[in-house]
Amino acid sequence: MNIKVNKYILLLSAGLSLMLFKATDAAAQSSEQLAAITALGSLNGIALHCNALGETQRIKRELVATLPKRRQLGELFDYETNRSFMAFIEKNDTCPSPQLLAQQVDEALGRLQSLYPAR
């Protein structure tokens, strides 16, 4: 019960943060850019659950190198990571093979790089 309450509090606070983010900064980012960050957060949650720490490090390294330095973008990534991690547990999913996960991360990073050109 306590875990579920904490999970719901986390989701509620993250949702409120996202609402504020959407209201103040969404115009600065396209929906495709936000979707690319969301996809990487989702993969990061899976990688964390599956102990693929090399993939989590690779994702974060590329986000730091690619994204504009905006707190809201990092919060979106963190929110999606947490959501994905919890959903993976609730669904009792099985971890993808390391090769499949690496391929999915490669594709998502390529998408991010195409949407955020080099600075």
C-alpha atoms as a PDB file:
ATOM      1  CA  MET A   1       0.000   0.000   0.000  1.00  0.00           C
ATOM      2  CA  ASN A   2       2.763   2.443   0.956  1.00  0.00           C
ATOM      3  CA  ILE A   3       4.609   1.750  -2.288  1.00  0.00           C
ATOM      4  CA  LYS A   4       1.479   2.423  -4.342  1.00  0.00           C
ATOM      5  CA  VAL A   5       0.796   5.664  -2.455  1.00  0.00           C
ATOM      6  CA  ASN A   6       4.365   6.841  -3.020  1.00  0.00           C
ATOM      7  CA  LYS A   7       4.133   5.874  -6.685  1.00  0.00           C
ATOM      8  CA  TYR A   8       0.943   7.877  -7.116  1.00  0.00           C
ATOM      9  CA  ILE A   9       2.448  10.880  -5.346  1.00  0.00           C
ATOM     10  CA  LEU A  10       5.465  10.655  -7.648  1.00  0.00           C
ATOM     11  CA  LEU A  11       3.261  10.430 -10.724  1.00  0.00           C
ATOM     12  CA  LEU A  12       1.066  13.300  -9.543  1.00  0.00           C
ATOM     13  CA  SER A  13       4.008  15.591  -8.856  1.00  0.00           C
ATOM     14  CA  ALA A  14       5.627  14.653 -12.162  1.00  0.00           C
ATOM     15  CA  GLY A  15       2.338  15.291 -13.951  1.00  0.00           C
ATOM     16  CA  LEU A  16       2.041  18.716 -12.369  1.00  0.00           C
ATOM     17  CA  SER A  17       5.617  19.487 -13.379  1.00  0.00           C
ATOM     18  CA  LEU A  18       4.835  18.467 -16.934  1.00  0.00           C
ATOM     19  CA  MET A  19       1.724  20.645 -16.987  1.00  0.00           C
ATOM     20  CA  LEU A  20       3.836  23.608 -15.937  1.00  0.00           C
ATOM     21  CA  PHE A  21       6.443  22.623 -18.501  1.00  0.00           C
ATOM     22  CA  LYS A  22       3.846  22.418 -21.261  1.00  0.00           C
ATOM     23  CA  ALA A  23       2.438  25.814 -20.335  1.00  0.00           C
ATOM     24  CA  THR A  24       5.755  27.669 -20.151  1.00  0.00           C
ATOM     25  CA  ASP A  25       8.159  25.993 -22.540  1.00  0.00           C
ATOM     26  CA  ALA A  26       6.320  23.815 -25.034  1.00  0.00           C
ATOM     27  CA  ALA A  27       6.387  26.515 -27.683  1.00  0.00           C
ATOM     28  CA  ALA A  28      10.193  26.383 -27.658  1.00  0.00           C
ATOM     29  CA  GLN A  29      10.213  22.669 -28.598  1.00  0.00           C
ATOM     30  CA  SER A  30       8.379  20.814 -31.328  1.00  0.00           C
ATOM     31  CA  SER A  31       6.213  17.836 -30.518  1.00  0.00           C
ATOM     32  CA  GLU A  32       8.696  15.656 -32.437  1.00  0.00           C
ATOM     33  CA  GLN A  33      11.555  16.866 -30.249  1.00  0.00           C
ATOM     34  CA  LEU A  34       9.570  16.184 -27.088  1.00  0.00           C
ATOM     35  CA  ALA A  35       8.610  12.735 -28.407  1.00  0.00           C
ATOM     36  CA  ALA A  36      12.291  11.930 -29.017  1.00  0.00           C
ATOM     37  CA  ILE A  37      13.142  12.834 -25.415  1.00  0.00           C
ATOM     38  CA  THR A  38      10.160  10.820 -24.180  1.00  0.00           C
ATOM     39  CA  ALA A  39      11.265   7.777 -26.195  1.00  0.00           C
ATOM     40  CA  LEU A  40      14.755   7.948 -24.728  1.00  0.00           C
ATOM     41  CA  GLY A  41      13.305   8.250 -21.223  1.00  0.00           C
ATOM     42  CA  SER A  42      11.214   5.167 -21.865  1.00  0.00           C
ATOM     43  CA  LEU A  43      14.243   3.208 -23.051  1.00  0.00           C
ATOM     44  CA  ASN A  44      16.241   4.479 -20.093  1.00  0.00           C
ATOM     45  CA  GLY A  45      13.618   3.112 -17.685  1.00  0.00           C
ATOM     46  CA  ILE A  46      13.829  -0.292 -19.353  1.00  0.00           C
ATOM     47  CA  ALA A  47      17.627  -0.198 -19.349  1.00  0.00           C
ATOM     48  CA  LEU A  48      17.632   0.664 -15.634  1.00  0.00           C
ATOM     49  CA  HIS A  49      15.280  -2.189 -14.814  1.00  0.00           C
ATOM     50  CA  CYS A  50      17.333  -4.624 -16.890  1.00  0.00           C
ATOM     51  CA  ASN A  51      20.670  -3.481 -15.411  1.00  0.00           C
ATOM     52  CA  ALA A  52      21.920  -2.302 -18.795  1.00  0.00           C
ATOM     53  CA  LEU A  53      23.929   0.476 -17.189  1.00  0.00           C
ATOM     54  CA  GLY A  54      26.106   0.979 -20.259  1.00  0.00           C
ATOM     55  CA  GLU A  55      22.991   1.940 -22.210  1.00  0.00           C
ATOM     56  CA  THR A  56      21.779   4.335 -19.501  1.00  0.00           C
ATOM     57  CA  GLN A  57      25.187   6.026 -19.475  1.00  0.00           C
ATOM     58  CA  ARG A  58      25.209   6.266 -23.264  1.00  0.00           C
ATOM     59  CA  ILE A  59      21.712   7.797 -23.317  1.00  0.00           C
ATOM     60  CA  LYS A  60      22.521  10.386 -20.656  1.00  0.00           C
ATOM     61  CA  ARG A  61      25.872  11.269 -22.225  1.00  0.00           C
ATOM     62  CA  GLU A  62      24.167  11.941 -25.568  1.00  0.00           C
ATOM     63  CA  LEU A  63      21.340  13.947 -23.980  1.00  0.00           C
ATOM     64  CA  VAL A  64      23.826  16.209 -22.230  1.00  0.00           C
ATOM     65  CA  ALA A  65      25.813  16.669 -25.444  1.00  0.00           C
ATOM     66  CA  THR A  66      22.775  17.239 -27.687  1.00  0.00           C
ATOM     67  CA  LEU A  67      19.948  18.985 -25.844  1.00  0.00           C
ATOM     68  CA  PRO A  68      19.732  22.683 -25.025  1.00  0.00           C
ATOM     69  CA  LYS A  69      20.417  23.262 -21.348  1.00  0.00           C
ATOM     70  CA  ARG A  70      16.810  23.520 -20.118  1.00  0.00           C
ATOM     71  CA  ARG A  71      15.661  22.092 -16.828  1.00  0.00           C
ATOM     72  CA  GLN A  72      12.254  21.210 -18.271  1.00  0.00           C
ATOM     73  CA  LEU A  73      13.783  18.897 -20.864  1.00  0.00           C
ATOM     74  CA  GLY A  74      15.670  17.017 -18.163  1.00  0.00           C
ATOM     75  CA  GLU A  75      12.503  16.804 -16.072  1.00  0.00           C
ATOM     76  CA  LEU A  76      10.603  15.359 -19.032  1.00  0.00           C
ATOM     77  CA  PHE A  77      13.315  12.729 -19.506  1.00  0.00           C
ATOM     78  CA  ASP A  78      13.327  11.874 -15.777  1.00  0.00           C
ATOM     79  CA  TYR A  79       9.539  11.666 -15.632  1.00  0.00           C
ATOM     80  CA  GLU A  80       9.404   9.288 -18.590  1.00  0.00           C
ATOM     81  CA  THR A  81      12.247   7.194 -17.146  1.00  0.00           C
ATOM     82  CA  ASN A  82      10.318   6.768 -13.889  1.00  0.00           C
ATOM     83  CA  ARG A  83       7.054   6.051 -15.680  1.00  0.00           C
ATOM     84  CA  SER A  84       8.673   3.455 -17.910  1.00  0.00           C
ATOM     85  CA  PHE A  85      10.497   1.789 -15.012  1.00  0.00           C
ATOM     86  CA  MET A  86       7.285   1.461 -12.989  1.00  0.00           C
ATOM     87  CA  ALA A  87       5.236   0.264 -15.982  1.00  0.00           C
ATOM     88  CA  PHE A  88       7.851  -2.390 -16.738  1.00  0.00           C
ATOM     89  CA  ILE A  89       7.509  -3.737 -13.194  1.00  0.00           C
ATOM     90  CA  GLU A  90       3.706  -3.609 -13.202  1.00  0.00           C
ATOM     91  CA  LYS A  91       3.474  -5.462 -16.512  1.00  0.00           C
ATOM     92  CA  ASN A  92       6.095  -7.968 -15.371  1.00  0.00           C
ATOM     93  CA  ASP A  93       7.772  -7.589 -18.765  1.00  0.00           C
ATOM     94  CA  THR A  94      10.887  -9.501 -19.718  1.00  0.00           C
ATOM     95  CA  CYS A  95      14.066  -7.666 -20.582  1.00  0.00           C
ATOM     96  CA  PRO A  96      14.975  -7.348 -24.244  1.00  0.00           C
ATOM     97  CA  SER A  97      18.228  -8.889 -25.378  1.00  0.00           C
ATOM     98  CA  PRO A  98      21.231  -6.576 -25.008  1.00  0.00           C
ATOM     99  CA  GLN A  99      21.498  -6.422 -28.801  1.00  0.00           C
ATOM    100  CA  LEU A 100      17.863  -5.427 -29.259  1.00  0.00           C
ATOM    101  CA  LEU A 101      18.061  -2.784 -26.537  1.00  0.00           C
ATOM    102  CA  ALA A 102      21.258  -1.362 -28.056  1.00  0.00           C
ATOM    103  CA  GLN A 103      19.572  -1.227 -31.469  1.00  0.00           C
ATOM    104  CA  GLN A 104      16.532   0.569 -30.025  1.00  0.00           C
ATOM    105  CA  VAL A 105      18.795   3.061 -28.237  1.00  0.00           C
ATOM    106  CA  ASP A 106      20.790   3.618 -31.455  1.00  0.00           C
ATOM    107  CA  GLU A 107      17.590   4.409 -33.354  1.00  0.00           C
ATOM    108  CA  ALA A 108      16.269   6.732 -30.645  1.00  0.00           C
ATOM    109  CA  LEU A 109      19.595   8.564 -30.378  1.00  0.00           C
ATOM    110  CA  GLY A 110      19.729   8.951 -34.158  1.00  0.00           C
ATOM    111  CA  ARG A 111      16.247  10.463 -34.077  1.00  0.00           C
ATOM    112  CA  LEU A 112      17.253  12.865 -31.303  1.00  0.00           C
ATOM    113  CA  GLN A 113      20.378  13.954 -33.187  1.00  0.00           C
ATOM    114  CA  SER A 114      18.364  14.588 -36.356  1.00  0.00           C
ATOM    115  CA  LEU A 115      15.932  16.811 -34.436  1.00  0.00           C
ATOM    116  CA  TYR A 116      18.580  18.706 -32.486  1.00  0.00           C
ATOM    117  CA  PRO A 117      21.310  19.660 -34.952  1.00  0.00           C
ATOM    118  CA  ALA A 118      24.858  20.118 -33.670  1.00  0.00           C
ATOM    119  CA  ARG A 119      25.407  23.385 -31.878  1.00  0.00           C
END
